[in-house]
Amino acid sequence: MNMHIFKNQKLQLITLAILVIGLGVGVYLVQTKQIFKPKASTNLYSAFDVTDQNGNPIDCDQSGNCNTNSLNVKFRLENIEALTEP
């Protein structure tokens, strides 16, 4: 009978330890401020070559606006470094 009580107390101690550790970790995470920094490039217009269906280049301005009369456009990756630069 004493062995059963010892196992029950051991299980309760392990459960209590997990709860106390979880509470401490939870309090730490709630108090820690998360900082989100953008990692994507804003220079997408210089990374791609945009052409119409005949291969004629379509000019895009610095904000990424491209003007064309056709909906059939082709995109080709021209500069992969422009995608990885912050």
Protein backbone atom coordinates (compact mmCIF):
# COMPACT_ATOMS: atom_id res chain seq x y z
CA MET A 1 0.00 0.00 0.00
CA ASN A 2 2.87 2.40 0.74
CA MET A 3 4.29 1.89 -2.77
CA HIS A 4 0.99 3.03 -4.33
CA ILE A 5 0.99 6.24 -2.27
CA PHE A 6 4.64 6.91 -3.23
CA LYS A 7 3.88 6.53 -6.95
CA ASN A 8 0.85 8.80 -6.61
CA GLN A 9 2.93 11.49 -4.83
CA LYS A 10 5.67 11.18 -7.46
CA LEU A 11 3.12 11.71 -10.24
CA GLN A 12 1.70 14.73 -8.42
CA LEU A 13 5.18 16.23 -7.99
CA ILE A 14 5.98 15.79 -11.68
CA THR A 15 2.64 17.35 -12.64
CA LEU A 16 3.20 20.26 -10.27
CA ALA A 17 6.74 20.82 -11.62
CA ILE A 18 5.46 20.88 -15.22
CA LEU A 19 2.73 23.38 -14.28
CA VAL A 20 5.16 25.66 -12.43
CA ILE A 21 7.66 25.60 -15.30
CA GLY A 22 4.86 26.21 -17.82
CA LEU A 23 3.57 29.14 -15.77
CA GLY A 24 7.07 30.67 -15.63
CA VAL A 25 7.61 30.25 -19.37
CA GLY A 26 4.13 31.68 -20.08
CA VAL A 27 4.76 34.77 -17.95
CA TYR A 28 8.12 35.32 -19.66
CA LEU A 29 6.61 35.03 -23.16
CA VAL A 30 3.77 37.41 -22.33
CA GLN A 31 6.20 40.06 -21.06
CA THR A 32 8.65 39.73 -23.98
CA LYS A 33 8.05 42.15 -26.84
CA GLN A 34 8.09 40.63 -30.34
CA ILE A 35 9.75 42.73 -33.03
CA PHE A 36 8.65 42.12 -36.61
CA LYS A 37 11.15 43.28 -39.20
CA PRO A 38 10.36 43.07 -42.90
CA LYS A 39 12.75 40.80 -44.72
CA ALA A 40 11.24 40.98 -48.18
CA SER A 41 12.65 43.31 -50.78
CA THR A 42 10.77 46.36 -51.99
CA ASN A 43 12.77 46.41 -55.24
CA LEU A 44 10.65 43.85 -57.07
CA TYR A 45 10.35 46.01 -60.18
CA SER A 46 14.09 45.64 -60.85
CA ALA A 47 14.10 41.88 -60.30
CA PHE A 48 11.79 40.96 -63.17
CA ASP A 49 11.81 41.59 -66.90
CA VAL A 50 8.24 42.19 -68.08
CA THR A 51 7.43 41.76 -71.79
CA ASP A 52 4.29 41.54 -73.90
CA GLN A 53 3.37 38.54 -76.07
CA ASN A 54 5.69 39.77 -78.87
CA GLY A 55 8.70 40.15 -76.57
CA ASN A 56 8.54 43.94 -76.43
CA PRO A 57 9.59 45.29 -73.03
CA ILE A 58 6.91 46.85 -70.83
CA ASP A 59 8.17 49.81 -68.85
CA CYS A 60 7.43 49.84 -65.13
CA ASP A 61 7.96 52.84 -62.87
CA GLN A 62 9.65 52.87 -59.46
CA SER A 63 6.39 52.05 -57.65
CA GLY A 64 5.92 48.90 -59.76
CA ASN A 65 3.11 50.20 -61.98
CA CYS A 66 3.31 48.77 -65.49
CA ASN A 67 1.30 50.05 -68.46
CA THR A 68 0.25 47.75 -71.30
CA ASN A 69 -2.69 47.29 -73.66
CA SER A 70 -2.50 43.50 -73.50
CA LEU A 71 -3.34 41.06 -70.74
CA ASN A 72 -0.87 38.55 -72.18
CA VAL A 73 2.38 39.47 -70.40
CA LYS A 74 5.47 37.45 -69.59
CA PHE A 75 7.63 37.71 -66.48
CA ARG A 76 11.26 36.59 -66.43
CA LEU A 77 13.53 36.69 -63.40
CA GLU A 78 16.31 39.07 -64.30
CA ASN A 79 18.07 39.91 -61.04
CA ILE A 80 17.78 37.47 -58.13
CA GLU A 81 19.89 39.71 -55.87
CA ALA A 82 17.16 42.36 -55.99
CA LEU A 83 14.81 39.88 -54.31
CA THR A 84 17.17 39.15 -51.44
CA GLU A 85 18.29 42.71 -50.65
CA PRO A 86 16.47 44.36 -47.73
